[in-house]
Amino acid sequence: MNRREFLQCAAILVSGCSASQLGLALSQEQQVYLATAPDYITTEVNYLSAPQRRIIAAMAEIVIPRTDTPGAIDAGVPKFIELMAADWFTEGERAIFEAGLRDMETRIPAQYGRAFDELPADTRLGIMEDMEAAAADSPWYEFGNVQRDFISDAPFICQVKELTIYGFFTSEAGATQVLRYNAMPMRFDGDIPLDPQDSTWSSDGLI
């Protein structure tokens, strides 16, 4: 099983979604893994400190805030990020992640007088936009760069954004309350019209 396949399985286990919703999208190896794996969301993880968890939660909530639908925190994304960083990242990716968190822990209070998670939402958004601008040369931002393995040297802000989006839209809350969920086993329809205000569909697979 490659790393993307493992991430798919981990997302299902974290979100509590059943493997049957993915139908034939899962490989046999993934199905065996899911059938024998423990409930991943209950796994104890002590990778991050309490202040670091608050930073990750605040960043994830900026990426997908709660509105009239659930946000990243409601969907359990912060723990998903911690589990992925602890269990799935390579050494190099983990080093980037940890360096980014250390920077957030030290630079932000020195510059703003308060921890990142204690700042107003508009200030947190501005900080993250500045981080994106500084990371803009990364291949992560190349146009059409989707459905690929993680870029190992992607900057911290990219890691957080990608895991937030991935964790959210493979969660039960993201798939059923934000996307339009309509289970249609064994059917694929590639031509479903959408109005400009419509969200996309999550049927026949949450990945």
C-alpha atoms as a PDB file:
ATOM      1  CA  MET A   1       0.000   0.000   0.000  1.00  0.00           C
ATOM      2  CA  ASN A   2       1.507   3.355  -0.980  1.00  0.00           C
ATOM      3  CA  ARG A   3       1.355   6.466   1.166  1.00  0.00           C
ATOM      4  CA  ARG A   4      -1.667   7.972  -0.589  1.00  0.00           C
ATOM      5  CA  GLU A   5      -3.597   4.728  -0.154  1.00  0.00           C
ATOM      6  CA  PHE A   6      -2.670   4.712   3.526  1.00  0.00           C
ATOM      7  CA  LEU A   7      -3.815   8.305   3.888  1.00  0.00           C
ATOM      8  CA  GLN A   8      -7.154   7.397   2.307  1.00  0.00           C
ATOM      9  CA  CYS A   9      -7.611   4.592   4.828  1.00  0.00           C
ATOM     10  CA  ALA A  10      -6.534   6.765   7.728  1.00  0.00           C
ATOM     11  CA  ALA A  11      -9.003   9.458   6.692  1.00  0.00           C
ATOM     12  CA  ILE A  12     -11.824   6.914   6.685  1.00  0.00           C
ATOM     13  CA  LEU A  13     -10.860   5.568  10.093  1.00  0.00           C
ATOM     14  CA  VAL A  14     -10.513   9.041  11.604  1.00  0.00           C
ATOM     15  CA  SER A  15     -13.822  10.260  10.223  1.00  0.00           C
ATOM     16  CA  GLY A  16     -15.798   7.177  11.184  1.00  0.00           C
ATOM     17  CA  CYS A  17     -16.991   6.615   7.611  1.00  0.00           C
ATOM     18  CA  SER A  18     -17.667   3.044   6.602  1.00  0.00           C
ATOM     19  CA  ALA A  19     -15.509   1.418   3.964  1.00  0.00           C
ATOM     20  CA  SER A  20     -18.622   0.337   2.107  1.00  0.00           C
ATOM     21  CA  GLN A  21     -19.292   3.955   1.081  1.00  0.00           C
ATOM     22  CA  LEU A  22     -16.181   3.842  -1.056  1.00  0.00           C
ATOM     23  CA  GLY A  23     -17.338   0.767  -2.950  1.00  0.00           C
ATOM     24  CA  LEU A  24     -14.909  -0.271  -5.661  1.00  0.00           C
ATOM     25  CA  ALA A  25     -12.718   2.793  -5.078  1.00  0.00           C
ATOM     26  CA  LEU A  26     -10.739   0.828  -2.475  1.00  0.00           C
ATOM     27  CA  SER A  27      -8.070  -1.644  -3.457  1.00  0.00           C
ATOM     28  CA  GLN A  28      -8.158  -5.142  -1.977  1.00  0.00           C
ATOM     29  CA  GLU A  29      -5.171  -4.268   0.200  1.00  0.00           C
ATOM     30  CA  GLN A  30      -7.007  -1.216   1.530  1.00  0.00           C
ATOM     31  CA  GLN A  31     -10.127  -3.253   2.257  1.00  0.00           C
ATOM     32  CA  VAL A  32      -8.076  -5.796   4.224  1.00  0.00           C
ATOM     33  CA  TYR A  33      -6.363  -2.993   6.126  1.00  0.00           C
ATOM     34  CA  LEU A  34      -9.666  -1.361   7.047  1.00  0.00           C
ATOM     35  CA  ALA A  35     -11.224  -4.674   8.056  1.00  0.00           C
ATOM     36  CA  THR A  36      -8.431  -5.425  10.522  1.00  0.00           C
ATOM     37  CA  ALA A  37      -7.420  -1.947  11.727  1.00  0.00           C
ATOM     38  CA  PRO A  38      -8.476  -0.608  15.137  1.00  0.00           C
ATOM     39  CA  ASP A  39     -10.623   2.526  15.417  1.00  0.00           C
ATOM     40  CA  TYR A  40      -7.977   5.068  14.492  1.00  0.00           C
ATOM     41  CA  ILE A  41      -9.734   8.127  15.918  1.00  0.00           C
ATOM     42  CA  THR A  42      -9.439   6.686  19.437  1.00  0.00           C
ATOM     43  CA  THR A  43      -5.678   6.217  19.062  1.00  0.00           C
ATOM     44  CA  GLU A  44      -3.766   8.026  21.773  1.00  0.00           C
ATOM     45  CA  VAL A  45      -1.370  10.537  20.276  1.00  0.00           C
ATOM     46  CA  ASN A  46       1.069  12.660  22.242  1.00  0.00           C
ATOM     47  CA  TYR A  47       2.965  14.162  19.343  1.00  0.00           C
ATOM     48  CA  LEU A  48       1.975  17.805  19.890  1.00  0.00           C
ATOM     49  CA  SER A  49       1.992  19.908  23.040  1.00  0.00           C
ATOM     50  CA  ALA A  50      -1.205  21.600  24.211  1.00  0.00           C
ATOM     51  CA  PRO A  51      -0.114  25.027  22.836  1.00  0.00           C
ATOM     52  CA  GLN A  52       0.794  23.423  19.490  1.00  0.00           C
ATOM     53  CA  ARG A  53      -2.615  21.734  19.309  1.00  0.00           C
ATOM     54  CA  ARG A  54      -4.273  25.101  19.830  1.00  0.00           C
ATOM     55  CA  ILE A  55      -2.204  26.592  16.994  1.00  0.00           C
ATOM     56  CA  ILE A  56      -3.118  23.765  14.614  1.00  0.00           C
ATOM     57  CA  ALA A  57      -6.793  24.016  15.567  1.00  0.00           C
ATOM     58  CA  ALA A  58      -6.772  27.783  14.994  1.00  0.00           C
ATOM     59  CA  MET A  59      -5.073  27.395  11.612  1.00  0.00           C
ATOM     60  CA  ALA A  60      -7.464  24.654  10.503  1.00  0.00           C
ATOM     61  CA  GLU A  61     -10.447  26.768  11.515  1.00  0.00           C
ATOM     62  CA  ILE A  62      -9.162  29.658   9.398  1.00  0.00           C
ATOM     63  CA  VAL A  63      -8.934  27.326   6.388  1.00  0.00           C
ATOM     64  CA  ILE A  64     -12.455  25.927   6.939  1.00  0.00           C
ATOM     65  CA  PRO A  65     -14.357  28.040   9.489  1.00  0.00           C
ATOM     66  CA  ARG A  66     -17.698  27.151  10.988  1.00  0.00           C
ATOM     67  CA  THR A  67     -20.515  29.027   9.242  1.00  0.00           C
ATOM     68  CA  ASP A  68     -23.985  27.615   8.740  1.00  0.00           C
ATOM     69  CA  THR A  69     -22.171  24.318   8.163  1.00  0.00           C
ATOM     70  CA  PRO A  70     -19.536  22.612  10.325  1.00  0.00           C
ATOM     71  CA  GLY A  71     -15.954  23.834  10.354  1.00  0.00           C
ATOM     72  CA  ALA A  72     -12.649  22.021  10.610  1.00  0.00           C
ATOM     73  CA  ILE A  73     -12.779  21.745  14.393  1.00  0.00           C
ATOM     74  CA  ASP A  74     -16.302  20.308  14.291  1.00  0.00           C
ATOM     75  CA  ALA A  75     -15.053  17.619  11.894  1.00  0.00           C
ATOM     76  CA  GLY A  76     -12.133  16.578  14.103  1.00  0.00           C
ATOM     77  CA  VAL A  77      -9.524  17.879  11.685  1.00  0.00           C
ATOM     78  CA  PRO A  78      -6.941  19.001  14.301  1.00  0.00           C
ATOM     79  CA  LYS A  79      -6.541  15.460  15.605  1.00  0.00           C
ATOM     80  CA  PHE A  80      -6.429  14.160  12.034  1.00  0.00           C
ATOM     81  CA  ILE A  81      -3.520  16.518  11.327  1.00  0.00           C
ATOM     82  CA  GLU A  82      -1.681  15.432  14.468  1.00  0.00           C
ATOM     83  CA  LEU A  83      -2.149  11.746  13.663  1.00  0.00           C
ATOM     84  CA  MET A  84      -0.972  12.205  10.086  1.00  0.00           C
ATOM     85  CA  ALA A  85       2.080  14.214  11.128  1.00  0.00           C
ATOM     86  CA  ALA A  86       2.968  11.679  13.809  1.00  0.00           C
ATOM     87  CA  ASP A  87       2.281   8.444  11.893  1.00  0.00           C
ATOM     88  CA  TRP A  88       2.427   9.234   8.174  1.00  0.00           C
ATOM     89  CA  PHE A  89       4.948  11.998   7.477  1.00  0.00           C
ATOM     90  CA  THR A  90       8.455  11.129   6.418  1.00  0.00           C
ATOM     91  CA  GLU A  91      11.327  12.413   8.544  1.00  0.00           C
ATOM     92  CA  GLY A  92      11.840  15.313   6.176  1.00  0.00           C
ATOM     93  CA  GLU A  93       8.174  16.291   6.110  1.00  0.00           C
ATOM     94  CA  ARG A  94       7.973  16.025   9.885  1.00  0.00           C
ATOM     95  CA  ALA A  95      11.014  18.263  10.260  1.00  0.00           C
ATOM     96  CA  ILE A  96       9.327  20.950   8.133  1.00  0.00           C
ATOM     97  CA  PHE A  97       6.121  20.592  10.156  1.00  0.00           C
ATOM     98  CA  GLU A  98       7.911  20.864  13.489  1.00  0.00           C
ATOM     99  CA  ALA A  99       9.986  23.840  12.351  1.00  0.00           C
ATOM    100  CA  GLY A 100       6.818  25.590  11.198  1.00  0.00           C
ATOM    101  CA  LEU A 101       5.147  25.015  14.532  1.00  0.00           C
ATOM    102  CA  ARG A 102       8.194  26.284  16.446  1.00  0.00           C
ATOM    103  CA  ASP A 103       8.140  29.406  14.305  1.00  0.00           C
ATOM    104  CA  MET A 104       4.455  29.938  15.082  1.00  0.00           C
ATOM    105  CA  GLU A 105       5.120  29.449  18.799  1.00  0.00           C
ATOM    106  CA  THR A 106       7.966  31.965  18.979  1.00  0.00           C
ATOM    107  CA  ARG A 107       7.606  34.510  16.170  1.00  0.00           C
ATOM    108  CA  ILE A 108       3.911  35.274  16.489  1.00  0.00           C
ATOM    109  CA  PRO A 109       3.893  36.137  20.224  1.00  0.00           C
ATOM    110  CA  ALA A 110       7.056  38.195  19.748  1.00  0.00           C
ATOM    111  CA  GLN A 111       5.472  40.116  16.869  1.00  0.00           C
ATOM    112  CA  TYR A 112       1.869  40.384  18.057  1.00  0.00           C
ATOM    113  CA  GLY A 113       2.152  40.043  21.840  1.00  0.00           C
ATOM    114  CA  ARG A 114      -0.198  37.051  21.951  1.00  0.00           C
ATOM    115  CA  ALA A 115      -0.239  33.437  20.857  1.00  0.00           C
ATOM    116  CA  PHE A 116      -1.603  32.755  17.369  1.00  0.00           C
ATOM    117  CA  ASP A 117      -4.770  31.095  18.674  1.00  0.00           C
ATOM    118  CA  GLU A 118      -5.518  34.128  20.884  1.00  0.00           C
ATOM    119  CA  LEU A 119      -5.460  36.616  18.016  1.00  0.00           C
ATOM    120  CA  PRO A 120      -8.613  37.866  16.219  1.00  0.00           C
ATOM    121  CA  ALA A 121      -9.662  35.799  13.215  1.00  0.00           C
ATOM    122  CA  ASP A 122      -8.821  38.542  10.718  1.00  0.00           C
ATOM    123  CA  THR A 123      -5.290  38.827  12.147  1.00  0.00           C
ATOM    124  CA  ARG A 124      -4.817  35.049  11.978  1.00  0.00           C
ATOM    125  CA  LEU A 125      -6.034  35.096   8.377  1.00  0.00           C
ATOM    126  CA  GLY A 126      -3.557  37.844   7.499  1.00  0.00           C
ATOM    127  CA  ILE A 127      -0.688  35.885   9.066  1.00  0.00           C
ATOM    128  CA  MET A 128      -1.586  32.777   7.079  1.00  0.00           C
ATOM    129  CA  GLU A 129      -1.911  34.783   3.858  1.00  0.00           C
ATOM    130  CA  ASP A 130       1.594  36.165   4.473  1.00  0.00           C
ATOM    131  CA  MET A 131       2.843  32.597   5.010  1.00  0.00           C
ATOM    132  CA  GLU A 132       1.258  31.583   1.701  1.00  0.00           C
ATOM    133  CA  ALA A 133       2.854  34.506  -0.114  1.00  0.00           C
ATOM    134  CA  ALA A 134       6.256  33.525   1.283  1.00  0.00           C
ATOM    135  CA  ALA A 135       5.721  29.920   0.121  1.00  0.00           C
ATOM    136  CA  ALA A 136       4.388  30.802  -3.327  1.00  0.00           C
ATOM    137  CA  ASP A 137       7.430  29.435  -5.165  1.00  0.00           C
ATOM    138  CA  SER A 138       6.750  25.887  -3.938  1.00  0.00           C
ATOM    139  CA  PRO A 139       5.647  23.355  -6.604  1.00  0.00           C
ATOM    140  CA  TRP A 140       2.666  22.775  -4.297  1.00  0.00           C
ATOM    141  CA  TYR A 141       1.068  25.860  -5.855  1.00  0.00           C
ATOM    142  CA  GLU A 142       1.555  24.819  -9.472  1.00  0.00           C
ATOM    143  CA  PHE A 143      -1.660  25.102 -11.476  1.00  0.00           C
ATOM    144  CA  GLY A 144      -3.557  21.828 -11.696  1.00  0.00           C
ATOM    145  CA  ASN A 145      -1.332  20.143  -9.123  1.00  0.00           C
ATOM    146  CA  VAL A 146      -3.965  17.742  -7.784  1.00  0.00           C
ATOM    147  CA  GLN A 147      -4.368  13.988  -7.250  1.00  0.00           C
ATOM    148  CA  ARG A 148      -0.670  13.474  -6.597  1.00  0.00           C
ATOM    149  CA  ASP A 149       1.512  12.263  -3.766  1.00  0.00           C
ATOM    150  CA  PHE A 150       2.453  14.781  -1.113  1.00  0.00           C
ATOM    151  CA  ILE A 151       5.319  17.076  -2.120  1.00  0.00           C
ATOM    152  CA  SER A 152       7.921  16.171   0.487  1.00  0.00           C
ATOM    153  CA  ASP A 153       9.460  19.631   0.753  1.00  0.00           C
ATOM    154  CA  ALA A 154       6.170  21.541   0.736  1.00  0.00           C
ATOM    155  CA  PRO A 155       6.223  24.404   3.266  1.00  0.00           C
ATOM    156  CA  PHE A 156       4.433  24.156   6.610  1.00  0.00           C
ATOM    157  CA  ILE A 157       1.458  26.263   5.491  1.00  0.00           C
ATOM    158  CA  CYS A 158       0.915  23.881   2.563  1.00  0.00           C
ATOM    159  CA  GLN A 159       1.048  20.838   4.827  1.00  0.00           C
ATOM    160  CA  VAL A 160      -1.572  22.333   7.142  1.00  0.00           C
ATOM    161  CA  LYS A 161      -3.864  23.389   4.290  1.00  0.00           C
ATOM    162  CA  GLU A 162      -3.684  20.061   2.488  1.00  0.00           C
ATOM    163  CA  LEU A 163      -4.322  17.975   5.600  1.00  0.00           C
ATOM    164  CA  THR A 164      -7.127  20.310   6.702  1.00  0.00           C
ATOM    165  CA  ILE A 165      -8.946  20.021   3.377  1.00  0.00           C
ATOM    166  CA  TYR A 166      -8.296  16.294   3.064  1.00  0.00           C
ATOM    167  CA  GLY A 167      -9.347  15.568   6.638  1.00  0.00           C
ATOM    168  CA  PHE A 168     -12.456  17.720   6.416  1.00  0.00           C
ATOM    169  CA  PHE A 169     -13.891  16.482   3.141  1.00  0.00           C
ATOM    170  CA  THR A 170     -13.312  12.840   4.040  1.00  0.00           C
ATOM    171  CA  SER A 171     -15.026  13.312   7.400  1.00  0.00           C
ATOM    172  CA  GLU A 172     -18.672  12.520   7.975  1.00  0.00           C
ATOM    173  CA  ALA A 173     -19.437  16.185   8.619  1.00  0.00           C
ATOM    174  CA  GLY A 174     -17.672  17.386   5.472  1.00  0.00           C
ATOM    175  CA  ALA A 175     -19.068  14.671   3.229  1.00  0.00           C
ATOM    176  CA  THR A 176     -22.678  14.788   4.397  1.00  0.00           C
ATOM    177  CA  GLN A 177     -23.252  18.369   5.604  1.00  0.00           C
ATOM    178  CA  VAL A 178     -21.077  20.407   3.227  1.00  0.00           C
ATOM    179  CA  LEU A 179     -20.893  18.244   0.119  1.00  0.00           C
ATOM    180  CA  ARG A 180     -24.177  16.909  -1.228  1.00  0.00           C
ATOM    181  CA  TYR A 181     -24.237  13.322  -0.045  1.00  0.00           C
ATOM    182  CA  ASN A 182     -26.368  10.888  -1.988  1.00  0.00           C
ATOM    183  CA  ALA A 183     -25.181   7.303  -1.822  1.00  0.00           C
ATOM    184  CA  MET A 184     -25.629   5.548  -5.184  1.00  0.00           C
ATOM    185  CA  PRO A 185     -23.700   2.263  -4.960  1.00  0.00           C
ATOM    186  CA  MET A 186     -22.304   0.831  -8.208  1.00  0.00           C
ATOM    187  CA  ARG A 187     -23.241   3.919 -10.212  1.00  0.00           C
ATOM    188  CA  PHE A 188     -21.158   6.691 -11.726  1.00  0.00           C
ATOM    189  CA  ASP A 189     -22.664   9.755 -13.332  1.00  0.00           C
ATOM    190  CA  GLY A 190     -20.051  12.102 -14.768  1.00  0.00           C
ATOM    191  CA  ASP A 191     -22.526  14.704 -16.006  1.00  0.00           C
ATOM    192  CA  ILE A 192     -24.489  16.085 -13.035  1.00  0.00           C
ATOM    193  CA  PRO A 193     -25.256  19.785 -13.610  1.00  0.00           C
ATOM    194  CA  LEU A 194     -24.423  22.254 -10.837  1.00  0.00           C
ATOM    195  CA  ASP A 195     -25.780  25.728 -10.327  1.00  0.00           C
ATOM    196  CA  PRO A 196     -23.199  28.372  -9.333  1.00  0.00           C
ATOM    197  CA  GLN A 197     -24.310  28.245  -5.690  1.00  0.00           C
ATOM    198  CA  ASP A 198     -24.327  24.447  -5.457  1.00  0.00           C
ATOM    199  CA  SER A 199     -21.721  22.395  -3.620  1.00  0.00           C
ATOM    200  CA  THR A 200     -20.286  19.351  -5.322  1.00  0.00           C
ATOM    201  CA  TRP A 201     -21.314  15.744  -4.693  1.00  0.00           C
ATOM    202  CA  SER A 202     -19.717  13.163  -2.430  1.00  0.00           C
ATOM    203  CA  SER A 203     -21.574  10.090  -3.663  1.00  0.00           C
ATOM    204  CA  ASP A 204     -19.783   6.848  -4.481  1.00  0.00           C
ATOM    205  CA  GLY A 205     -16.745   7.610  -2.402  1.00  0.00           C
ATOM    206  CA  LEU A 206     -15.467  10.155   0.088  1.00  0.00           C
ATOM    207  CA  ILE A 207     -11.897  10.211  -1.242  1.00  0.00           C
END
